[in-house]
Full PDB file with SEQRES, HELIX, SHEET, SSBOND, CRYST1, ORIGX, SCALE, CONECT and MASTER records, all heavy atoms in Angstrom:
SEQRES   1 A   35  PRO ALA ILE ASP ALA GLY SER ALA SER TYR ILE PRO PRO          
SEQRES   2 A   35  ASP ASP ILE ASP GLY GLU ALA ARG ILE SER GLY LEU ALA          
SEQRES   3 A   35  VAL ASP ILE GLY ALA ASP GLU PHE VAL                          
CRYST1    1.000    1.000    1.000  90.00  90.00  90.00 P 1           1          
ORIGX1      1.000000  0.000000  0.000000        0.00000                         
ORIGX2      0.000000  1.000000  0.000000        0.00000                         
ORIGX3      0.000000  0.000000  1.000000        0.00000                         
SCALE1      1.000000  0.000000  0.000000        0.00000                         
SCALE2      0.000000  1.000000  0.000000        0.00000                         
SCALE3      0.000000  0.000000  1.000000        0.00000                         
ATOM      1  N   PRO A   1       0.795  -1.254   0.039  1.00  0.00           N  
ATOM      2  CA  PRO A   1       0.015   0.037   0.019  1.00  0.00           C  
ATOM      3  C   PRO A   1       0.839   1.292   0.018  1.00  0.00           C  
ATOM      4  O   PRO A   1       0.310   2.332  -0.111  1.00  0.00           O  
ATOM      5  CB  PRO A   1      -0.841  -0.098   1.285  1.00  0.00           C  
ATOM      6  CG  PRO A   1       0.064  -0.957   2.147  1.00  0.00           C  
ATOM      7  CD  PRO A   1       0.689  -1.945   1.257  1.00  0.00           C  
ATOM      8  N   ALA A   2       2.210   1.136   0.167  1.00  0.00           N  
ATOM      9  CA  ALA A   2       3.063   2.297   0.130  1.00  0.00           C  
ATOM     10  C   ALA A   2       3.254   2.772  -1.336  1.00  0.00           C  
ATOM     11  O   ALA A   2       3.717   3.953  -1.494  1.00  0.00           O  
ATOM     12  CB  ALA A   2       4.461   1.921   0.712  1.00  0.00           C  
ATOM     13  N   ILE A   3       2.913   2.010  -2.272  1.00  0.00           N  
ATOM     14  CA  ILE A   3       3.191   2.433  -3.706  1.00  0.00           C  
ATOM     15  C   ILE A   3       2.241   3.568  -4.108  1.00  0.00           C  
ATOM     16  O   ILE A   3       1.044   3.503  -3.895  1.00  0.00           O  
ATOM     17  CB  ILE A   3       3.038   1.244  -4.662  1.00  0.00           C  
ATOM     18  CG1 ILE A   3       4.081   0.194  -4.366  1.00  0.00           C  
ATOM     19  CG2 ILE A   3       3.086   1.626  -6.070  1.00  0.00           C  
ATOM     20  CD1 ILE A   3       3.853  -1.095  -5.097  1.00  0.00           C  
ATOM     21  N   ASP A   4       2.861   4.623  -4.646  1.00  0.00           N  
ATOM     22  CA  ASP A   4       2.149   5.818  -5.064  1.00  0.00           C  
ATOM     23  C   ASP A   4       1.299   6.449  -4.003  1.00  0.00           C  
ATOM     24  O   ASP A   4       0.327   7.235  -4.282  1.00  0.00           O  
ATOM     25  CB  ASP A   4       1.228   5.483  -6.263  1.00  0.00           C  
ATOM     26  CG  ASP A   4       1.976   5.039  -7.572  1.00  0.00           C  
ATOM     27  OD1 ASP A   4       3.203   5.225  -7.580  1.00  0.00           O  
ATOM     28  OD2 ASP A   4       1.399   4.503  -8.417  1.00  0.00           O  
ATOM     29  N   ALA A   5       1.584   6.252  -2.718  1.00  0.00           N  
ATOM     30  CA  ALA A   5       0.801   6.744  -1.616  1.00  0.00           C  
ATOM     31  C   ALA A   5       1.387   7.893  -0.841  1.00  0.00           C  
ATOM     32  O   ALA A   5       0.811   8.333   0.072  1.00  0.00           O  
ATOM     33  CB  ALA A   5       0.517   5.594  -0.681  1.00  0.00           C  
ATOM     34  N   GLY A   6       2.620   8.392  -1.216  1.00  0.00           N  
ATOM     35  CA  GLY A   6       3.242   9.324  -0.510  1.00  0.00           C  
ATOM     36  C   GLY A   6       2.794  10.767  -0.774  1.00  0.00           C  
ATOM     37  O   GLY A   6       2.099  11.058  -1.719  1.00  0.00           O  
ATOM     38  N   SER A   7       3.157  11.715   0.146  1.00  0.00           N  
ATOM     39  CA  SER A   7       2.889  13.082  -0.079  1.00  0.00           C  
ATOM     40  C   SER A   7       3.919  13.721  -1.017  1.00  0.00           C  
ATOM     41  O   SER A   7       5.093  13.371  -1.023  1.00  0.00           O  
ATOM     42  CB  SER A   7       2.991  13.813   1.342  1.00  0.00           C  
ATOM     43  OG  SER A   7       2.915  15.229   1.162  1.00  0.00           O  
ATOM     44  N   ALA A   8       3.457  14.661  -1.729  1.00  0.00           N  
ATOM     45  CA  ALA A   8       4.303  15.425  -2.672  1.00  0.00           C  
ATOM     46  C   ALA A   8       5.050  16.550  -1.997  1.00  0.00           C  
ATOM     47  O   ALA A   8       5.742  17.293  -2.687  1.00  0.00           O  
ATOM     48  CB  ALA A   8       3.454  15.946  -3.906  1.00  0.00           C  
ATOM     49  N   SER A   9       4.843  16.721  -0.738  1.00  0.00           N  
ATOM     50  CA  SER A   9       5.465  17.804   0.029  1.00  0.00           C  
ATOM     51  C   SER A   9       6.955  17.742  -0.096  1.00  0.00           C  
ATOM     52  O   SER A   9       7.616  18.802  -0.245  1.00  0.00           O  
ATOM     53  CB  SER A   9       4.987  17.891   1.420  1.00  0.00           C  
ATOM     54  OG  SER A   9       3.624  18.135   1.565  1.00  0.00           O  
ATOM     55  N   TYR A  10       7.535  16.607   0.073  1.00  0.00           N  
ATOM     56  CA  TYR A  10       8.959  16.356  -0.029  1.00  0.00           C  
ATOM     57  C   TYR A  10       9.182  15.116  -0.822  1.00  0.00           C  
ATOM     58  O   TYR A  10       8.692  13.987  -0.336  1.00  0.00           O  
ATOM     59  CB  TYR A  10       9.611  16.273   1.369  1.00  0.00           C  
ATOM     60  CG  TYR A  10       9.489  17.613   2.107  1.00  0.00           C  
ATOM     61  CD1 TYR A  10       8.505  17.752   3.105  1.00  0.00           C  
ATOM     62  CD2 TYR A  10      10.274  18.665   1.770  1.00  0.00           C  
ATOM     63  CE1 TYR A  10       8.341  18.900   3.702  1.00  0.00           C  
ATOM     64  CE2 TYR A  10      10.098  19.900   2.425  1.00  0.00           C  
ATOM     65  CZ  TYR A  10       9.188  19.998   3.431  1.00  0.00           C  
ATOM     66  OH  TYR A  10       9.100  21.197   4.036  1.00  0.00           O  
ATOM     67  N   ILE A  11       9.943  15.167  -1.826  1.00  0.00           N  
ATOM     68  CA  ILE A  11      10.224  13.957  -2.669  1.00  0.00           C  
ATOM     69  C   ILE A  11      11.735  13.882  -2.855  1.00  0.00           C  
ATOM     70  O   ILE A  11      12.284  14.737  -3.409  1.00  0.00           O  
ATOM     71  CB  ILE A  11       9.519  14.142  -4.045  1.00  0.00           C  
ATOM     72  CG1 ILE A  11       8.018  14.251  -3.879  1.00  0.00           C  
ATOM     73  CG2 ILE A  11       9.932  12.909  -4.944  1.00  0.00           C  
ATOM     74  CD1 ILE A  11       7.271  14.428  -5.158  1.00  0.00           C  
ATOM     75  N   PRO A  12      12.353  12.784  -2.401  1.00  0.00           N  
ATOM     76  CA  PRO A  12      13.721  12.616  -2.625  1.00  0.00           C  
ATOM     77  C   PRO A  12      14.109  12.519  -4.123  1.00  0.00           C  
ATOM     78  O   PRO A  12      13.254  12.105  -4.942  1.00  0.00           O  
ATOM     79  CB  PRO A  12      14.117  11.297  -1.945  1.00  0.00           C  
ATOM     80  CG  PRO A  12      12.990  11.078  -1.046  1.00  0.00           C  
ATOM     81  CD  PRO A  12      11.780  11.639  -1.686  1.00  0.00           C  
ATOM     82  N   PRO A  13      15.297  12.899  -4.576  1.00  0.00           N  
ATOM     83  CA  PRO A  13      15.518  12.806  -5.964  1.00  0.00           C  
ATOM     84  C   PRO A  13      15.716  11.223  -6.387  1.00  0.00           C  
ATOM     85  O   PRO A  13      15.637  11.000  -7.603  1.00  0.00           O  
ATOM     86  CB  PRO A  13      16.949  13.499  -6.149  1.00  0.00           C  
ATOM     87  CG  PRO A  13      17.529  13.409  -4.717  1.00  0.00           C  
ATOM     88  CD  PRO A  13      16.378  13.524  -3.719  1.00  0.00           C  
ATOM     89  N   ASP A  14      16.037  10.378  -5.476  1.00  0.00           N  
ATOM     90  CA  ASP A  14      16.188   8.951  -5.755  1.00  0.00           C  
ATOM     91  C   ASP A  14      15.744   8.195  -4.515  1.00  0.00           C  
ATOM     92  O   ASP A  14      15.246   8.751  -3.565  1.00  0.00           O  
ATOM     93  CB  ASP A  14      17.675   8.698  -6.207  1.00  0.00           C  
ATOM     94  CG  ASP A  14      18.672   9.252  -5.191  1.00  0.00           C  
ATOM     95  OD1 ASP A  14      18.307   9.518  -3.950  1.00  0.00           O  
ATOM     96  OD2 ASP A  14      19.828   9.358  -5.503  1.00  0.00           O  
ATOM     97  N   ASP A  15      15.949   6.902  -4.546  1.00  0.00           N  
ATOM     98  CA  ASP A  15      15.669   6.030  -3.410  1.00  0.00           C  
ATOM     99  C   ASP A  15      16.947   5.456  -2.829  1.00  0.00           C  
ATOM    100  O   ASP A  15      18.066   5.820  -3.200  1.00  0.00           O  
ATOM    101  CB  ASP A  15      14.603   5.024  -3.762  1.00  0.00           C  
ATOM    102  CG  ASP A  15      15.196   3.922  -4.685  1.00  0.00           C  
ATOM    103  OD1 ASP A  15      16.313   3.982  -5.128  1.00  0.00           O  
ATOM    104  OD2 ASP A  15      14.456   2.905  -4.896  1.00  0.00           O  
ATOM    105  N   ILE A  16      16.760   4.551  -1.889  1.00  0.00           N  
ATOM    106  CA  ILE A  16      17.927   3.974  -1.199  1.00  0.00           C  
ATOM    107  C   ILE A  16      18.870   3.207  -2.179  1.00  0.00           C  
ATOM    108  O   ILE A  16      20.038   3.111  -1.907  1.00  0.00           O  
ATOM    109  CB  ILE A  16      17.500   3.158  -0.064  1.00  0.00           C  
ATOM    110  CG1 ILE A  16      18.656   2.848   0.873  1.00  0.00           C  
ATOM    111  CG2 ILE A  16      16.809   1.799  -0.519  1.00  0.00           C  
ATOM    112  CD1 ILE A  16      18.256   2.274   2.296  1.00  0.00           C  
ATOM    113  N   ASP A  17      18.376   2.761  -3.258  1.00  0.00           N  
ATOM    114  CA  ASP A  17      19.250   2.097  -4.301  1.00  0.00           C  
ATOM    115  C   ASP A  17      19.834   3.080  -5.250  1.00  0.00           C  
ATOM    116  O   ASP A  17      20.539   2.708  -6.228  1.00  0.00           O  
ATOM    117  CB  ASP A  17      18.424   1.009  -5.021  1.00  0.00           C  
ATOM    118  CG  ASP A  17      17.893  -0.010  -4.068  1.00  0.00           C  
ATOM    119  OD1 ASP A  17      18.659  -0.484  -3.142  1.00  0.00           O  
ATOM    120  OD2 ASP A  17      16.656  -0.383  -4.187  1.00  0.00           O  
ATOM    121  N   GLY A  18      19.504   4.363  -5.206  1.00  0.00           N  
ATOM    122  CA  GLY A  18      19.958   5.299  -6.145  1.00  0.00           C  
ATOM    123  C   GLY A  18      19.076   5.364  -7.418  1.00  0.00           C  
ATOM    124  O   GLY A  18      19.389   6.034  -8.347  1.00  0.00           O  
ATOM    125  N   GLU A  19      17.895   4.732  -7.367  1.00  0.00           N  
ATOM    126  CA  GLU A  19      16.949   4.655  -8.558  1.00  0.00           C  
ATOM    127  C   GLU A  19      16.100   5.938  -8.417  1.00  0.00           C  
ATOM    128  O   GLU A  19      15.751   6.443  -7.377  1.00  0.00           O  
ATOM    129  CB  GLU A  19      16.079   3.496  -8.537  1.00  0.00           C  
ATOM    130  CG  GLU A  19      16.947   2.239  -8.723  1.00  0.00           C  
ATOM    131  CD  GLU A  19      16.058   0.933  -8.675  1.00  0.00           C  
ATOM    132  OE1 GLU A  19      14.996   1.006  -7.941  1.00  0.00           O  
ATOM    133  OE2 GLU A  19      16.476  -0.124  -9.138  1.00  0.00           O  
ATOM    134  N   ALA A  20      15.844   6.525  -9.589  1.00  0.00           N  
ATOM    135  CA  ALA A  20      15.176   7.780  -9.682  1.00  0.00           C  
ATOM    136  C   ALA A  20      13.670   7.732  -9.129  1.00  0.00           C  
ATOM    137  O   ALA A  20      13.044   6.663  -9.327  1.00  0.00           O  
ATOM    138  CB  ALA A  20      15.167   8.349 -11.089  1.00  0.00           C  
ATOM    139  N   ARG A  21      13.298   8.646  -8.420  1.00  0.00           N  
ATOM    140  CA  ARG A  21      11.839   8.787  -8.088  1.00  0.00           C  
ATOM    141  C   ARG A  21      11.286   9.938  -8.995  1.00  0.00           C  
ATOM    142  O   ARG A  21      12.029  10.842  -9.368  1.00  0.00           O  
ATOM    143  CB  ARG A  21      11.693   9.279  -6.620  1.00  0.00           C  
ATOM    144  CG  ARG A  21      12.256   8.227  -5.584  1.00  0.00           C  
ATOM    145  CD  ARG A  21      11.745   8.617  -4.181  1.00  0.00           C  
ATOM    146  NE  ARG A  21      12.339   7.920  -3.180  1.00  0.00           N  
ATOM    147  CZ  ARG A  21      11.727   7.000  -2.361  1.00  0.00           C  
ATOM    148  NH1 ARG A  21      10.454   6.757  -2.608  1.00  0.00           N  
ATOM    149  NH2 ARG A  21      12.313   6.425  -1.396  1.00  0.00           N  
ATOM    150  N   ILE A  22      10.101   9.818  -9.426  1.00  0.00           N  
ATOM    151  CA  ILE A  22       8.996   8.959  -9.121  1.00  0.00           C  
ATOM    152  C   ILE A  22       8.853   7.990 -10.299  1.00  0.00           C  
ATOM    153  O   ILE A  22       9.029   8.295 -11.491  1.00  0.00           O  
ATOM    154  CB  ILE A  22       7.698   9.749  -8.946  1.00  0.00           C  
ATOM    155  CG1 ILE A  22       7.836  10.894  -7.911  1.00  0.00           C  
ATOM    156  CG2 ILE A  22       6.633   8.885  -8.661  1.00  0.00           C  
ATOM    157  CD1 ILE A  22       6.693  11.850  -7.920  1.00  0.00           C  
ATOM    158  N   SER A  23       8.479   6.648  -9.949  1.00  0.00           N  
ATOM    159  CA  SER A  23       8.313   5.719 -11.112  1.00  0.00           C  
ATOM    160  C   SER A  23       6.834   5.488 -11.477  1.00  0.00           C  
ATOM    161  O   SER A  23       6.523   4.948 -12.515  1.00  0.00           O  
ATOM    162  CB  SER A  23       8.906   4.384 -10.647  1.00  0.00           C  
ATOM    163  OG  SER A  23       8.154   3.712  -9.767  1.00  0.00           O  
ATOM    164  N   GLY A  24       6.008   5.946 -10.564  1.00  0.00           N  
ATOM    165  CA  GLY A  24       4.498   5.757 -10.870  1.00  0.00           C  
ATOM    166  C   GLY A  24       3.741   7.081 -10.801  1.00  0.00           C  
ATOM    167  O   GLY A  24       4.256   8.088 -11.290  1.00  0.00           O  
ATOM    168  N   LEU A  25       2.557   7.086 -10.235  1.00  0.00           N  
ATOM    169  CA  LEU A  25       1.712   8.223 -10.204  1.00  0.00           C  
ATOM    170  C   LEU A  25       2.124   9.265  -9.086  1.00  0.00           C  
ATOM    171  O   LEU A  25       1.989  10.441  -9.317  1.00  0.00           O  
ATOM    172  CB  LEU A  25       0.204   7.871 -10.058  1.00  0.00           C  
ATOM    173  CG  LEU A  25      -0.358   6.910 -11.138  1.00  0.00           C  
ATOM    174  CD1 LEU A  25      -1.796   6.509 -10.667  1.00  0.00           C  
ATOM    175  CD2 LEU A  25      -0.365   7.679 -12.428  1.00  0.00           C  
ATOM    176  N   ALA A  26       2.684   8.709  -8.075  1.00  0.00           N  
ATOM    177  CA  ALA A  26       3.141   9.599  -6.908  1.00  0.00           C  
ATOM    178  C   ALA A  26       4.317   8.957  -6.289  1.00  0.00           C  
ATOM    179  O   ALA A  26       4.686   7.712  -6.582  1.00  0.00           O  
ATOM    180  CB  ALA A  26       2.006   9.796  -5.965  1.00  0.00           C  
ATOM    181  N   VAL A  27       4.994   9.590  -5.396  1.00  0.00           N  
ATOM    182  CA  VAL A  27       6.154   9.019  -4.722  1.00  0.00           C  
ATOM    183  C   VAL A  27       5.659   7.910  -3.782  1.00  0.00           C  
ATOM    184  O   VAL A  27       4.566   8.001  -3.215  1.00  0.00           O  
ATOM    185  CB  VAL A  27       6.856  10.149  -3.891  1.00  0.00           C  
ATOM    186  CG1 VAL A  27       6.052  10.636  -2.758  1.00  0.00           C  
ATOM    187  CG2 VAL A  27       8.190   9.646  -3.469  1.00  0.00           C  
ATOM    188  N   ASP A  28       6.429   6.887  -3.619  1.00  0.00           N  
ATOM    189  CA  ASP A  28       6.225   5.842  -2.697  1.00  0.00           C  
ATOM    190  C   ASP A  28       6.595   6.145  -1.297  1.00  0.00           C  
ATOM    191  O   ASP A  28       7.498   6.962  -1.082  1.00  0.00           O  
ATOM    192  CB  ASP A  28       6.855   4.463  -3.080  1.00  0.00           C  
ATOM    193  CG  ASP A  28       6.503   4.005  -4.467  1.00  0.00           C  
ATOM    194  OD1 ASP A  28       5.300   4.509  -5.036  1.00  0.00           O  
ATOM    195  OD2 ASP A  28       7.171   3.105  -5.025  1.00  0.00           O  
ATOM    196  N   ILE A  29       5.878   5.621  -0.267  1.00  0.00           N  
ATOM    197  CA  ILE A  29       6.250   5.773   1.070  1.00  0.00           C  
ATOM    198  C   ILE A  29       7.378   4.861   1.425  1.00  0.00           C  
ATOM    199  O   ILE A  29       7.329   3.710   1.046  1.00  0.00           O  
ATOM    200  CB  ILE A  29       5.046   5.526   2.037  1.00  0.00           C  
ATOM    201  CG1 ILE A  29       3.867   6.591   1.689  1.00  0.00           C  
ATOM    202  CG2 ILE A  29       5.378   5.671   3.506  1.00  0.00           C  
ATOM    203  CD1 ILE A  29       2.626   6.278   2.423  1.00  0.00           C  
ATOM    204  N   GLY A  30       8.357   5.280   2.198  1.00  0.00           N  
ATOM    205  CA  GLY A  30       9.410   4.445   2.624  1.00  0.00           C  
ATOM    206  C   GLY A  30      10.676   4.815   1.833  1.00  0.00           C  
ATOM    207  O   GLY A  30      10.785   5.724   1.028  1.00  0.00           O  
ATOM    208  N   ALA A  31      11.752   4.003   2.138  1.00  0.00           N  
ATOM    209  CA  ALA A  31      13.060   4.262   1.474  1.00  0.00           C  
ATOM    210  C   ALA A  31      13.215   3.808   0.017  1.00  0.00           C  
ATOM    211  O   ALA A  31      14.050   4.137  -0.620  1.00  0.00           O  
ATOM    212  CB  ALA A  31      14.136   3.638   2.377  1.00  0.00           C  
ATOM    213  N   ASP A  32      12.321   2.822  -0.282  1.00  0.00           N  
ATOM    214  CA  ASP A  32      12.400   2.298  -1.727  1.00  0.00           C  
ATOM    215  C   ASP A  32      11.279   2.799  -2.608  1.00  0.00           C  
ATOM    216  O   ASP A  32      10.164   2.972  -2.198  1.00  0.00           O  
ATOM    217  CB  ASP A  32      12.166   0.778  -1.573  1.00  0.00           C  
ATOM    218  CG  ASP A  32      12.067  -0.001  -2.880  1.00  0.00           C  
ATOM    219  OD1 ASP A  32      12.888   0.338  -3.704  1.00  0.00           O  
ATOM    220  OD2 ASP A  32      11.180  -0.907  -2.962  1.00  0.00           O  
ATOM    221  N   GLU A  33      11.600   3.112  -3.833  1.00  0.00           N  
ATOM    222  CA  GLU A  33      10.706   3.318  -4.836  1.00  0.00           C  
ATOM    223  C   GLU A  33      10.464   2.143  -5.700  1.00  0.00           C  
ATOM    224  O   GLU A  33      11.415   1.629  -6.337  1.00  0.00           O  
ATOM    225  CB  GLU A  33      11.181   4.577  -5.763  1.00  0.00           C  
ATOM    226  CG  GLU A  33      10.240   5.006  -6.819  1.00  0.00           C  
ATOM    227  CD  GLU A  33       9.039   5.811  -6.280  1.00  0.00           C  
ATOM    228  OE1 GLU A  33       9.102   6.209  -5.032  1.00  0.00           O  
ATOM    229  OE2 GLU A  33       8.114   6.152  -7.078  1.00  0.00           O  
ATOM    230  N   PHE A  34       9.235   1.626  -5.655  1.00  0.00           N  
ATOM    231  CA  PHE A  34       9.027   0.315  -6.333  1.00  0.00           C  
ATOM    232  C   PHE A  34       9.016   0.656  -7.819  1.00  0.00           C  
ATOM    233  O   PHE A  34       8.293   1.507  -8.383  1.00  0.00           O  
ATOM    234  CB  PHE A  34       7.668  -0.193  -5.986  1.00  0.00           C  
ATOM    235  CG  PHE A  34       7.272  -1.533  -6.675  1.00  0.00           C  
ATOM    236  CD1 PHE A  34       7.849  -2.703  -6.275  1.00  0.00           C  
ATOM    237  CD2 PHE A  34       6.318  -1.506  -7.747  1.00  0.00           C  
ATOM    238  CE1 PHE A  34       7.522  -3.897  -6.890  1.00  0.00           C  
ATOM    239  CE2 PHE A  34       6.047  -2.672  -8.336  1.00  0.00           C  
ATOM    240  CZ  PHE A  34       6.616  -3.930  -7.988  1.00  0.00           C  
ATOM    241  N   VAL A  35       9.806  -0.222  -8.558  1.00  0.00           N  
ATOM    242  CA  VAL A  35       9.849  -0.240 -10.020  1.00  0.00           C  
ATOM    243  C   VAL A  35       9.491  -1.538 -10.534  1.00  0.00           C  
ATOM    244  O   VAL A  35      10.190  -2.490 -10.261  1.00  0.00           O  
ATOM    245  CB  VAL A  35      11.289   0.159 -10.492  1.00  0.00           C  
ATOM    246  CG1 VAL A  35      11.395   0.224 -11.967  1.00  0.00           C  
ATOM    247  CG2 VAL A  35      11.780   1.533  -9.856  1.00  0.00           C  
TER     248      VAL A  35                                                      
MASTER        0    0    0    0    0    0    0    6  247    1    0    3          
END                                                                             
């Protein structure tokens, strides 16, 4: 349920793996951006 569920107030440039955010409709919650 974290996928595409995050707030747009603050969006990191990437995730813990260095992969670019955002990959879906909105930023994912947590350290990982699901791809």
